[in-house]
Amino acid sequence: MANEEKKMIILMKGHPGTGKSTLAQSLASSLRIPLVDKDDVRDSTLPLQRSLLHLSSTAASNLLNDLSYDVIYRFASTQLRIGISVIVDSPLSRKSHLDRLVQLADSSRASVFIVECKPTDEEEWRRRLERRGASVDGTASWHKPATWRDIERLLEGYAGCTDYDIGDVPRLVVDTTAPVEVGELVSSVVEFIGAQAEREL
């Protein structure tokens, strides 16, 4: 029963190319808990996207993004149900995504935390994004923004919906372009989670 009380779901949040996945992977390795990455699901949907030619590109993308969120929700649910904490790596760009994961945490009696990656150095963010975009081979990560213009279009499409009220969910905002090692960011996240867990006792 004590193990059940310690379950947690750590939700990564942030735009593409902000360092979420790098931090999430290091955090999962440090905490030794599973990482569920939306991109792992979305990367595998290229054949589905191609089969949806009768839909507009936007409609097909929306459908497959929704499917990807449903899959990661189910993976996270399974981990929590068997008593294992989990990290969910996704942009968490819409409040409905957060609400569903908070509901899952509540029903599993798990603590929930948000780690939001917000780069303050836009030029560094841009360099990282475009370097990643240049290395994409056309299959893996084919759906991710590869240029700064792609990011600008994505943010325009969001129309501010990514800045929503998270309610009473504890959140740590990290600057992933700060001149610190990822290990230092992991330490700050672990410290934050520990402090929040003490408050819940």
N, C-alpha and C. Protein backbone atom coordinates (compact mmCIF):
# COMPACT_ATOMS: atom_id res chain seq x y z
N MET A 1 0.82 -1.20 0.00
CA MET A 1 0.00 0.00 0.00
C MET A 1 0.86 1.26 0.00
N ALA A 2 2.01 1.21 0.70
CA ALA A 2 2.90 2.38 0.73
C ALA A 2 3.42 2.70 -0.65
N ASN A 3 3.73 1.65 -1.44
CA ASN A 3 4.23 1.86 -2.80
C ASN A 3 3.19 2.56 -3.66
N GLU A 4 1.90 2.23 -3.42
CA GLU A 4 0.82 2.83 -4.20
C GLU A 4 0.75 4.33 -3.95
N GLU A 5 1.02 4.75 -2.70
CA GLU A 5 0.96 6.16 -2.36
C GLU A 5 2.08 6.96 -3.02
N LYS A 6 3.13 6.30 -3.43
CA LYS A 6 4.28 7.00 -3.99
C LYS A 6 4.24 7.10 -5.51
N LYS A 7 3.21 6.54 -6.15
CA LYS A 7 3.14 6.62 -7.61
C LYS A 7 3.07 8.07 -8.06
N MET A 8 3.68 8.34 -9.19
CA MET A 8 3.60 9.70 -9.74
C MET A 8 3.62 9.64 -11.25
N ILE A 9 3.08 10.69 -11.82
CA ILE A 9 3.14 10.88 -13.26
C ILE A 9 3.77 12.25 -13.49
N ILE A 10 4.89 12.25 -14.18
CA ILE A 10 5.60 13.49 -14.49
C ILE A 10 5.28 13.84 -15.93
N LEU A 11 4.70 15.00 -16.13
CA LEU A 11 4.28 15.44 -17.46
C LEU A 11 5.25 16.48 -17.99
N MET A 12 5.92 16.15 -19.07
CA MET A 12 6.77 17.13 -19.74
C MET A 12 5.87 18.04 -20.57
N LYS A 13 6.24 19.31 -20.68
CA LYS A 13 5.45 20.27 -21.46
C LYS A 13 6.40 21.22 -22.15
N GLY A 14 6.07 21.58 -23.39
CA GLY A 14 6.88 22.55 -24.11
C GLY A 14 6.82 22.34 -25.60
N HIS A 15 7.21 23.36 -26.32
CA HIS A 15 7.18 23.32 -27.78
C HIS A 15 8.26 22.38 -28.33
N PRO A 16 8.12 21.97 -29.58
CA PRO A 16 9.15 21.12 -30.20
C PRO A 16 10.52 21.80 -30.19
N GLY A 17 11.53 20.99 -29.96
CA GLY A 17 12.90 21.50 -30.02
C GLY A 17 13.36 22.22 -28.77
N THR A 18 12.55 22.19 -27.70
CA THR A 18 12.93 22.92 -26.49
C THR A 18 13.77 22.10 -25.53
N GLY A 19 14.02 20.85 -25.85
CA GLY A 19 14.84 20.01 -24.98
C GLY A 19 14.04 19.10 -24.06
N LYS A 20 12.73 19.00 -24.29
CA LYS A 20 11.88 18.15 -23.46
C LYS A 20 12.36 16.70 -23.44
N SER A 21 12.58 16.17 -24.63
CA SER A 21 12.92 14.75 -24.72
C SER A 21 14.28 14.44 -24.11
N THR A 22 15.24 15.33 -24.32
CA THR A 22 16.56 15.14 -23.71
C THR A 22 16.44 15.10 -22.20
N LEU A 23 15.69 16.06 -21.65
CA LEU A 23 15.50 16.11 -20.20
C LEU A 23 14.69 14.91 -19.72
N ALA A 24 13.63 14.56 -20.44
CA ALA A 24 12.78 13.43 -20.04
C ALA A 24 13.57 12.12 -20.02
N GLN A 25 14.40 11.91 -21.03
CA GLN A 25 15.21 10.68 -21.08
C GLN A 25 16.19 10.61 -19.92
N SER A 26 16.84 11.72 -19.63
CA SER A 26 17.79 11.75 -18.51
C SER A 26 17.08 11.57 -17.18
N LEU A 27 15.90 12.17 -17.06
CA LEU A 27 15.12 12.05 -15.83
C LEU A 27 14.64 10.61 -15.63
N ALA A 28 14.16 9.98 -16.70
CA ALA A 28 13.70 8.59 -16.62
C ALA A 28 14.85 7.67 -16.23
N SER A 29 16.01 7.92 -16.80
CA SER A 29 17.19 7.11 -16.48
C SER A 29 17.60 7.30 -15.02
N SER A 30 17.56 8.53 -14.56
CA SER A 30 17.95 8.83 -13.18
C SER A 30 16.97 8.24 -12.17
N LEU A 31 15.67 8.38 -12.45
CA LEU A 31 14.65 7.89 -11.52
C LEU A 31 14.32 6.41 -11.72
N ARG A 32 14.79 5.84 -12.84
CA ARG A 32 14.53 4.43 -13.18
C ARG A 32 13.03 4.15 -13.29
N ILE A 33 12.33 5.04 -14.02
CA ILE A 33 10.91 4.82 -14.28
C ILE A 33 10.67 4.91 -15.78
N PRO A 34 9.60 4.28 -16.26
CA PRO A 34 9.33 4.27 -17.70
C PRO A 34 9.06 5.66 -18.26
N LEU A 35 9.45 5.82 -19.50
CA LEU A 35 9.19 7.04 -20.26
C LEU A 35 8.27 6.69 -21.41
N VAL A 36 7.15 7.40 -21.49
CA VAL A 36 6.21 7.23 -22.59
C VAL A 36 6.30 8.50 -23.43
N ASP A 37 6.76 8.36 -24.67
CA ASP A 37 7.03 9.51 -25.54
C ASP A 37 6.03 9.53 -26.69
N LYS A 38 5.29 10.63 -26.79
CA LYS A 38 4.31 10.76 -27.87
C LYS A 38 4.97 10.60 -29.24
N ASP A 39 6.19 11.10 -29.40
CA ASP A 39 6.87 11.00 -30.69
C ASP A 39 7.13 9.55 -31.09
N ASP A 40 7.33 8.67 -30.12
CA ASP A 40 7.52 7.26 -30.46
C ASP A 40 6.29 6.71 -31.16
N VAL A 41 5.13 7.15 -30.71
CA VAL A 41 3.88 6.71 -31.34
C VAL A 41 3.70 7.41 -32.68
N ARG A 42 3.84 8.73 -32.66
CA ARG A 42 3.58 9.52 -33.88
C ARG A 42 4.56 9.16 -34.99
N ASP A 43 5.80 8.84 -34.63
CA ASP A 43 6.79 8.46 -35.64
C ASP A 43 6.34 7.24 -36.44
N SER A 44 5.57 6.38 -35.81
CA SER A 44 5.16 5.13 -36.47
C SER A 44 3.87 5.26 -37.28
N THR A 45 3.32 6.47 -37.38
CA THR A 45 2.03 6.63 -38.06
C THR A 45 2.16 7.08 -39.52
N LEU A 46 3.37 7.14 -40.05
CA LEU A 46 3.54 7.58 -41.44
C LEU A 46 2.72 6.74 -42.42
N PRO A 47 2.70 5.41 -42.32
CA PRO A 47 1.86 4.64 -43.25
C PRO A 47 0.37 5.00 -43.13
N LEU A 48 -0.07 5.28 -41.91
CA LEU A 48 -1.47 5.70 -41.73
C LEU A 48 -1.72 7.05 -42.38
N GLN A 49 -0.78 7.97 -42.19
CA GLN A 49 -0.93 9.30 -42.79
C GLN A 49 -1.06 9.18 -44.31
N ARG A 50 -0.24 8.32 -44.89
CA ARG A 50 -0.28 8.13 -46.35
C ARG A 50 -1.59 7.50 -46.80
N SER A 51 -2.19 6.67 -45.94
CA SER A 51 -3.44 6.00 -46.32
C SER A 51 -4.65 6.91 -46.15
N LEU A 52 -4.45 8.07 -45.54
CA LEU A 52 -5.56 9.00 -45.31
C LEU A 52 -5.58 10.12 -46.34
N LEU A 53 -5.24 9.78 -47.57
CA LEU A 53 -5.16 10.79 -48.64
C LEU A 53 -6.49 11.46 -48.92
N HIS A 54 -7.58 10.79 -48.58
CA HIS A 54 -8.90 11.37 -48.81
C HIS A 54 -9.20 12.52 -47.84
N LEU A 55 -8.39 12.64 -46.78
CA LEU A 55 -8.54 13.74 -45.82
C LEU A 55 -7.54 14.84 -46.15
N SER A 56 -7.83 16.03 -45.69
CA SER A 56 -6.83 17.09 -45.83
C SER A 56 -5.63 16.74 -44.95
N SER A 57 -4.49 17.32 -45.26
CA SER A 57 -3.28 17.07 -44.48
C SER A 57 -3.49 17.44 -43.02
N THR A 58 -4.16 18.56 -42.78
CA THR A 58 -4.43 19.01 -41.41
C THR A 58 -5.34 18.03 -40.68
N ALA A 59 -6.40 17.58 -41.35
CA ALA A 59 -7.33 16.64 -40.73
C ALA A 59 -6.63 15.33 -40.39
N ALA A 60 -5.80 14.84 -41.31
CA ALA A 60 -5.07 13.59 -41.07
C ALA A 60 -4.10 13.77 -39.90
N SER A 61 -3.39 14.89 -39.86
CA SER A 61 -2.46 15.15 -38.76
C SER A 61 -3.18 15.22 -37.43
N ASN A 62 -4.31 15.92 -37.41
CA ASN A 62 -5.08 16.03 -36.18
C ASN A 62 -5.56 14.67 -35.70
N LEU A 63 -6.06 13.87 -36.63
CA LEU A 63 -6.54 12.53 -36.29
C LEU A 63 -5.41 11.68 -35.70
N LEU A 64 -4.24 11.73 -36.33
CA LEU A 64 -3.12 10.91 -35.86
C LEU A 64 -2.49 11.45 -34.58
N ASN A 65 -2.54 12.76 -34.38
CA ASN A 65 -2.10 13.32 -33.11
C ASN A 65 -3.02 12.86 -31.98
N ASP A 66 -4.34 12.91 -32.24
CA ASP A 66 -5.29 12.44 -31.23
C ASP A 66 -5.06 10.96 -30.92
N LEU A 67 -4.82 10.17 -31.95
CA LEU A 67 -4.52 8.75 -31.75
C LEU A 67 -3.26 8.58 -30.90
N SER A 68 -2.23 9.38 -31.19
CA SER A 68 -0.98 9.30 -30.44
C SER A 68 -1.19 9.62 -28.96
N TYR A 69 -1.99 10.65 -28.68
CA TYR A 69 -2.28 10.98 -27.29
C TYR A 69 -3.07 9.86 -26.62
N ASP A 70 -4.00 9.25 -27.34
CA ASP A 70 -4.77 8.15 -26.77
C ASP A 70 -3.85 6.98 -26.41
N VAL A 71 -2.90 6.68 -27.28
CA VAL A 71 -1.97 5.58 -27.02
C VAL A 71 -1.10 5.88 -25.80
N ILE A 72 -0.54 7.09 -25.70
CA ILE A 72 0.32 7.37 -24.55
C ILE A 72 -0.50 7.39 -23.26
N TYR A 73 -1.75 7.84 -23.35
CA TYR A 73 -2.63 7.82 -22.18
C TYR A 73 -2.81 6.37 -21.71
N ARG A 74 -3.05 5.47 -22.65
CA ARG A 74 -3.25 4.06 -22.28
C ARG A 74 -1.97 3.43 -21.72
N PHE A 75 -0.82 3.76 -22.32
CA PHE A 75 0.44 3.25 -21.78
C PHE A 75 0.66 3.74 -20.35
N ALA A 76 0.44 5.04 -20.13
CA ALA A 76 0.62 5.61 -18.80
C ALA A 76 -0.36 4.97 -17.81
N SER A 77 -1.58 4.76 -18.24
CA SER A 77 -2.60 4.14 -17.39
C SER A 77 -2.17 2.75 -16.94
N THR A 78 -1.63 1.98 -17.87
CA THR A 78 -1.17 0.63 -17.53
C THR A 78 -0.06 0.68 -16.49
N GLN A 79 0.91 1.58 -16.68
CA GLN A 79 2.02 1.68 -15.72
C GLN A 79 1.50 2.02 -14.33
N LEU A 80 0.61 3.01 -14.26
CA LEU A 80 0.08 3.42 -12.96
C LEU A 80 -0.76 2.32 -12.33
N ARG A 81 -1.53 1.62 -13.14
CA ARG A 81 -2.39 0.55 -12.63
C ARG A 81 -1.58 -0.57 -11.97
N ILE A 82 -0.39 -0.83 -12.50
CA ILE A 82 0.44 -1.89 -11.91
C ILE A 82 1.43 -1.34 -10.87
N GLY A 83 1.23 -0.08 -10.51
CA GLY A 83 1.99 0.50 -9.41
C GLY A 83 3.32 1.12 -9.78
N ILE A 84 3.49 1.46 -11.05
CA ILE A 84 4.76 2.03 -11.51
C ILE A 84 4.56 3.49 -11.92
N SER A 85 5.41 4.35 -11.43
CA SER A 85 5.38 5.76 -11.85
C SER A 85 5.78 5.86 -13.31
N VAL A 86 5.48 6.99 -13.93
CA VAL A 86 5.74 7.14 -15.36
C VAL A 86 6.02 8.60 -15.71
N ILE A 87 6.83 8.80 -16.74
CA ILE A 87 7.06 10.13 -17.31
C ILE A 87 6.40 10.15 -18.67
N VAL A 88 5.62 11.19 -18.94
CA VAL A 88 4.96 11.35 -20.24
C VAL A 88 5.60 12.54 -20.94
N ASP A 89 6.20 12.27 -22.09
CA ASP A 89 6.88 13.30 -22.88
C ASP A 89 6.00 13.67 -24.07
N SER A 90 5.42 14.87 -24.00
CA SER A 90 4.59 15.38 -25.10
C SER A 90 4.58 16.91 -24.98
N PRO A 91 4.14 17.60 -26.03
CA PRO A 91 4.08 19.06 -25.91
C PRO A 91 3.07 19.53 -24.85
N LEU A 92 2.07 18.69 -24.56
CA LEU A 92 1.00 19.05 -23.63
C LEU A 92 0.43 20.43 -24.00
N SER A 93 0.21 20.58 -25.30
CA SER A 93 -0.14 21.89 -25.85
C SER A 93 -1.59 22.31 -25.62
N ARG A 94 -2.43 21.37 -25.29
CA ARG A 94 -3.85 21.70 -25.08
C ARG A 94 -4.29 21.29 -23.68
N LYS A 95 -5.13 22.11 -23.09
CA LYS A 95 -5.61 21.84 -21.74
C LYS A 95 -6.33 20.50 -21.66
N SER A 96 -7.01 20.11 -22.72
CA SER A 96 -7.72 18.83 -22.70
C SER A 96 -6.76 17.66 -22.50
N HIS A 97 -5.53 17.78 -23.02
CA HIS A 97 -4.53 16.72 -22.81
C HIS A 97 -4.14 16.66 -21.33
N LEU A 98 -3.91 17.82 -20.75
CA LEU A 98 -3.57 17.86 -19.32
C LEU A 98 -4.72 17.32 -18.49
N ASP A 99 -5.94 17.77 -18.77
CA ASP A 99 -7.10 17.35 -17.98
C ASP A 99 -7.24 15.83 -17.96
N ARG A 100 -7.04 15.22 -19.10
CA ARG A 100 -7.18 13.76 -19.19
C ARG A 100 -6.10 13.06 -18.35
N LEU A 101 -4.89 13.56 -18.39
CA LEU A 101 -3.80 12.95 -17.62
C LEU A 101 -3.94 13.22 -16.12
N VAL A 102 -4.47 14.39 -15.75
CA VAL A 102 -4.73 14.67 -14.33
C VAL A 102 -5.83 13.75 -13.82
N GLN A 103 -6.85 13.55 -14.64
CA GLN A 103 -7.93 12.63 -14.26
C GLN A 103 -7.37 11.21 -14.06
N LEU A 104 -6.47 10.80 -14.94
CA LEU A 104 -5.82 9.50 -14.81
C LEU A 104 -5.04 9.43 -13.50
N ALA A 105 -4.27 10.46 -13.20
CA ALA A 105 -3.50 10.48 -11.95
C ALA A 105 -4.43 10.40 -10.75
N ASP A 106 -5.52 11.17 -10.77
CA ASP A 106 -6.47 11.15 -9.66
C ASP A 106 -7.07 9.76 -9.47
N SER A 107 -7.48 9.13 -10.56
CA SER A 107 -8.11 7.81 -10.47
C SER A 107 -7.11 6.74 -10.03
N SER A 108 -5.83 6.99 -10.25
CA SER A 108 -4.78 6.04 -9.85
C SER A 108 -4.16 6.39 -8.51
N ARG A 109 -4.66 7.45 -7.89
CA ARG A 109 -4.09 7.97 -6.64
C ARG A 109 -2.60 8.24 -6.79
N ALA A 110 -2.25 8.84 -7.90
CA ALA A 110 -0.85 9.18 -8.19
C ALA A 110 -0.67 10.69 -8.10
N SER A 111 0.50 11.10 -7.68
CA SER A 111 0.84 12.52 -7.71
C SER A 111 1.13 12.90 -9.15
N VAL A 112 0.86 14.14 -9.49
CA VAL A 112 1.13 14.61 -10.85
C VAL A 112 1.94 15.89 -10.78
N PHE A 113 2.95 15.98 -11.65
CA PHE A 113 3.82 17.15 -11.71
C PHE A 113 4.03 17.52 -13.17
N ILE A 114 4.19 18.81 -13.42
CA ILE A 114 4.52 19.28 -14.76
C ILE A 114 5.94 19.84 -14.74
N VAL A 115 6.72 19.44 -15.73
CA VAL A 115 8.04 20.03 -15.96
C VAL A 115 7.95 20.69 -17.33
N GLU A 116 7.92 22.02 -17.32
CA GLU A 116 7.76 22.78 -18.56
C GLU A 116 9.09 23.33 -19.03
N CYS A 117 9.43 23.02 -20.26
CA CYS A 117 10.68 23.48 -20.87
C CYS A 117 10.41 24.75 -21.67
N LYS A 118 10.97 25.86 -21.20
CA LYS A 118 10.79 27.16 -21.85
C LYS A 118 12.16 27.77 -22.11
N PRO A 119 12.62 27.74 -23.33
CA PRO A 119 13.93 28.33 -23.62
C PRO A 119 13.85 29.86 -23.61
N THR A 120 14.78 30.50 -22.92
CA THR A 120 14.80 31.96 -22.93
C THR A 120 15.68 32.50 -24.06
N ASP A 121 16.60 31.67 -24.54
CA ASP A 121 17.48 32.07 -25.63
C ASP A 121 16.90 31.54 -26.94
N GLU A 122 16.14 32.40 -27.62
CA GLU A 122 15.46 31.97 -28.85
C GLU A 122 16.43 31.55 -29.94
N GLU A 123 17.57 32.22 -30.02
CA GLU A 123 18.56 31.86 -31.05
C GLU A 123 19.11 30.45 -30.83
N GLU A 124 19.37 30.11 -29.57
CA GLU A 124 19.86 28.76 -29.27
C GLU A 124 18.79 27.72 -29.57
N TRP A 125 17.56 28.04 -29.21
CA TRP A 125 16.44 27.15 -29.52
C TRP A 125 16.36 26.94 -31.02
N ARG A 126 16.46 28.02 -31.77
CA ARG A 126 16.40 27.93 -33.23
C ARG A 126 17.53 27.07 -33.80
N ARG A 127 18.76 27.28 -33.29
CA ARG A 127 19.90 26.48 -33.75
C ARG A 127 19.66 24.99 -33.51
N ARG A 128 19.19 24.65 -32.32
CA ARG A 128 18.94 23.24 -31.98
C ARG A 128 17.87 22.65 -32.89
N LEU A 129 16.80 23.39 -33.06
CA LEU A 129 15.69 22.90 -33.89
C LEU A 129 16.15 22.66 -35.32
N GLU A 130 16.87 23.61 -35.89
CA GLU A 130 17.29 23.47 -37.28
C GLU A 130 18.39 22.42 -37.44
N ARG A 131 19.21 22.24 -36.42
CA ARG A 131 20.21 21.16 -36.47
C ARG A 131 19.49 19.81 -36.45
N ARG A 132 18.48 19.69 -35.61
CA ARG A 132 17.69 18.46 -35.56
C ARG A 132 16.97 18.24 -36.88
N GLY A 133 16.41 19.31 -37.43
CA GLY A 133 15.69 19.22 -38.70
C GLY A 133 16.57 18.78 -39.84
N ALA A 134 17.83 19.21 -39.82
CA ALA A 134 18.77 18.84 -40.89
C ALA A 134 19.14 17.37 -40.81
N SER A 135 18.98 16.75 -39.64
CA SER A 135 19.36 15.35 -39.49
C SER A 135 18.20 14.39 -39.70
N VAL A 136 17.00 14.91 -39.89
CA VAL A 136 15.84 14.05 -40.10
C VAL A 136 15.95 13.37 -41.46
N ASP A 137 15.75 12.05 -41.48
CA ASP A 137 15.94 11.29 -42.72
C ASP A 137 14.66 11.12 -43.54
N GLY A 138 13.57 11.74 -43.10
CA GLY A 138 12.33 11.66 -43.86
C GLY A 138 11.38 10.59 -43.37
N THR A 139 11.82 9.73 -42.47
CA THR A 139 10.90 8.72 -41.93
C THR A 139 10.73 8.94 -40.43
N ALA A 140 11.77 8.74 -39.65
CA ALA A 140 11.68 9.00 -38.22
C ALA A 140 11.52 10.50 -38.02
N SER A 141 10.60 10.87 -37.17
CA SER A 141 10.37 12.28 -36.83
C SER A 141 9.95 13.12 -38.02
N TRP A 142 9.35 12.51 -39.02
CA TRP A 142 8.92 13.21 -40.23
C TRP A 142 7.86 14.27 -39.94
N HIS A 143 7.17 14.14 -38.84
CA HIS A 143 6.07 15.04 -38.49
C HIS A 143 6.51 16.24 -37.68
N LYS A 144 7.77 16.28 -37.25
CA LYS A 144 8.24 17.36 -36.39
C LYS A 144 8.64 18.58 -37.21
N PRO A 145 8.49 19.77 -36.60
CA PRO A 145 8.99 20.98 -37.27
C PRO A 145 10.49 20.86 -37.51
N ALA A 146 10.92 21.16 -38.73
CA ALA A 146 12.34 21.02 -39.08
C ALA A 146 13.01 22.37 -39.29
N THR A 147 12.22 23.43 -39.42
CA THR A 147 12.77 24.77 -39.63
C THR A 147 12.11 25.74 -38.66
N TRP A 148 12.73 26.90 -38.52
CA TRP A 148 12.15 27.92 -37.64
C TRP A 148 10.81 28.38 -38.19
N ARG A 149 10.67 28.43 -39.50
CA ARG A 149 9.38 28.82 -40.09
C ARG A 149 8.30 27.81 -39.71
N ASP A 150 8.66 26.52 -39.66
CA ASP A 150 7.70 25.50 -39.22
C ASP A 150 7.22 25.78 -37.80
N ILE A 151 8.14 26.17 -36.93
CA ILE A 151 7.77 26.50 -35.54
C ILE A 151 6.86 27.72 -35.51
N GLU A 152 7.21 28.74 -36.30
CA GLU A 152 6.37 29.94 -36.33
C GLU A 152 4.95 29.60 -36.76
N ARG A 153 4.83 28.75 -37.79
CA ARG A 153 3.49 28.35 -38.25
C ARG A 153 2.75 27.55 -37.18
N LEU A 154 3.48 26.68 -36.51
CA LEU A 154 2.87 25.88 -35.44
C LEU A 154 2.34 26.78 -34.33
N LEU A 155 3.16 27.73 -33.90
CA LEU A 155 2.75 28.63 -32.83
C LEU A 155 1.58 29.51 -33.25
N GLU A 156 1.58 29.94 -34.51
CA GLU A 156 0.43 30.70 -35.03
C GLU A 156 -0.83 29.84 -34.97
N GLY A 157 -0.70 28.58 -35.33
CA GLY A 157 -1.84 27.66 -35.30
C GLY A 157 -2.35 27.41 -33.89
N TYR A 158 -1.45 27.43 -32.92
CA TYR A 158 -1.87 27.25 -31.53
C TYR A 158 -2.70 28.43 -31.04
N ALA A 159 -2.45 29.60 -31.58
CA ALA A 159 -3.19 30.81 -31.22
C ALA A 159 -3.27 31.01 -29.70
N GLY A 160 -2.17 30.73 -29.02
CA GLY A 160 -2.12 30.97 -27.58
C GLY A 160 -2.70 29.86 -26.72
N CYS A 161 -3.19 28.78 -27.33
CA CYS A 161 -3.86 27.74 -26.54
C CYS A 161 -2.89 26.98 -25.63
N THR A 162 -1.59 27.14 -25.83
CA THR A 162 -0.62 26.41 -25.00
C THR A 162 -0.43 27.07 -23.63
N ASP A 163 -0.86 28.32 -23.50
CA ASP A 163 -0.73 29.04 -22.23
C ASP A 163 -2.07 29.00 -21.51
N TYR A 164 -2.32 27.88 -20.84
CA TYR A 164 -3.61 27.69 -20.17
C TYR A 164 -3.39 27.53 -18.66
N ASP A 165 -4.48 27.66 -17.92
CA ASP A 165 -4.44 27.53 -16.47
C ASP A 165 -4.27 26.05 -16.11
N ILE A 166 -3.23 25.73 -15.38
CA ILE A 166 -2.98 24.33 -15.01
C ILE A 166 -3.60 23.99 -13.66
N GLY A 167 -4.33 24.93 -13.08
CA GLY A 167 -4.96 24.67 -11.79
C GLY A 167 -3.93 24.52 -10.70
N ASP A 168 -4.14 23.51 -9.85
CA ASP A 168 -3.23 23.33 -8.71
C ASP A 168 -2.16 22.26 -8.95
N VAL A 169 -1.92 21.94 -10.21
CA VAL A 169 -0.88 20.96 -10.53
C VAL A 169 0.49 21.62 -10.32
N PRO A 170 1.33 21.04 -9.47
CA PRO A 170 2.66 21.62 -9.27
C PRO A 170 3.46 21.64 -10.58
N ARG A 171 4.08 22.78 -10.84
CA ARG A 171 4.82 22.93 -12.10
C ARG A 171 6.19 23.56 -11.84
N LEU A 172 7.18 23.01 -12.53
CA LEU A 172 8.52 23.58 -12.52
C LEU A 172 8.83 24.00 -13.95
N VAL A 173 9.20 25.26 -14.13
CA VAL A 173 9.59 25.76 -15.45
C VAL A 173 11.11 25.78 -15.49
N VAL A 174 11.68 25.14 -16.51
CA VAL A 174 13.14 25.11 -16.65
C VAL A 174 13.54 25.77 -17.96
N ASP A 175 14.62 26.51 -17.90
CA ASP A 175 15.19 27.13 -19.10
C ASP A 175 16.18 26.15 -19.70
N THR A 176 15.77 25.52 -20.77
CA THR A 176 16.60 24.48 -21.38
C THR A 176 17.69 25.05 -22.29
N THR A 177 17.76 26.38 -22.39
CA THR A 177 18.87 26.98 -23.13
C THR A 177 19.89 27.62 -22.18
N ALA A 178 19.65 27.50 -20.88
CA ALA A 178 20.61 28.03 -19.91
C ALA A 178 21.91 27.24 -20.02
N PRO A 179 23.04 27.89 -19.73
CA PRO A 179 24.33 27.21 -19.85
C PRO A 179 24.60 26.27 -18.67
N VAL A 180 23.75 25.24 -18.54
CA VAL A 180 23.93 24.23 -17.49
C VAL A 180 23.84 22.85 -18.14
N GLU A 181 24.44 21.88 -17.50
CA GLU A 181 24.39 20.50 -17.98
C GLU A 181 23.01 19.92 -17.71
N VAL A 182 22.61 18.96 -18.52
CA VAL A 182 21.31 18.33 -18.34
C VAL A 182 21.21 17.68 -16.96
N GLY A 183 22.33 17.20 -16.44
CA GLY A 183 22.34 16.60 -15.10
C GLY A 183 21.91 17.58 -14.03
N GLU A 184 22.27 18.85 -14.19
CA GLU A 184 21.85 19.88 -13.24
C GLU A 184 20.35 20.11 -13.33
N LEU A 185 19.82 20.08 -14.55
CA LEU A 185 18.37 20.23 -14.72
C LEU A 185 17.64 19.05 -14.08
N VAL A 186 18.17 17.85 -14.29
CA VAL A 186 17.57 16.65 -13.67
C VAL A 186 17.56 16.81 -12.15
N SER A 187 18.67 17.26 -11.59
CA SER A 187 18.75 17.44 -10.14
C SER A 187 17.71 18.44 -9.65
N SER A 188 17.51 19.52 -10.41
CA SER A 188 16.52 20.51 -9.99
C SER A 188 15.10 19.94 -10.06
N VAL A 189 14.84 19.09 -11.06
CA VAL A 189 13.52 18.46 -11.17
C VAL A 189 13.31 17.49 -10.01
N VAL A 190 14.30 16.67 -9.71
CA VAL A 190 14.19 15.70 -8.62
C VAL A 190 13.98 16.43 -7.29
N GLU A 191 14.70 17.52 -7.09
CA GLU A 191 14.54 18.32 -5.87
C GLU A 191 13.14 18.90 -5.78
N PHE A 192 12.63 19.41 -6.90
CA PHE A 192 11.28 19.96 -6.95
C PHE A 192 10.24 18.90 -6.59
N ILE A 193 10.37 17.72 -7.20
CA ILE A 193 9.41 16.63 -6.94
C ILE A 193 9.47 16.22 -5.47
N GLY A 194 10.67 16.13 -4.93
CA GLY A 194 10.82 15.77 -3.52
C GLY A 194 10.14 16.77 -2.60
N ALA A 195 10.32 18.06 -2.89
CA ALA A 195 9.71 19.10 -2.08
C ALA A 195 8.19 19.05 -2.18
N GLN A 196 7.68 18.82 -3.39
CA GLN A 196 6.22 18.73 -3.58
C GLN A 196 5.66 17.50 -2.87
N ALA A 197 6.38 16.39 -2.94
CA ALA A 197 5.92 15.15 -2.29
C ALA A 197 5.83 15.34 -0.78
N GLU A 198 6.77 16.08 -0.20
CA GLU A 198 6.73 16.34 1.24
C GLU A 198 5.51 17.15 1.61
N ARG A 199 5.12 18.08 0.76
CA ARG A 199 3.93 18.90 1.03
C ARG A 199 2.66 18.06 1.01
N GLU A 200 2.67 16.99 0.22
CA GLU A 200 1.48 16.15 0.10
C GLU A 200 1.29 15.23 1.30
N LEU A 201 2.34 15.07 2.11
CA LEU A 201 2.25 14.15 3.27
C LEU A 201 1.36 14.73 4.36
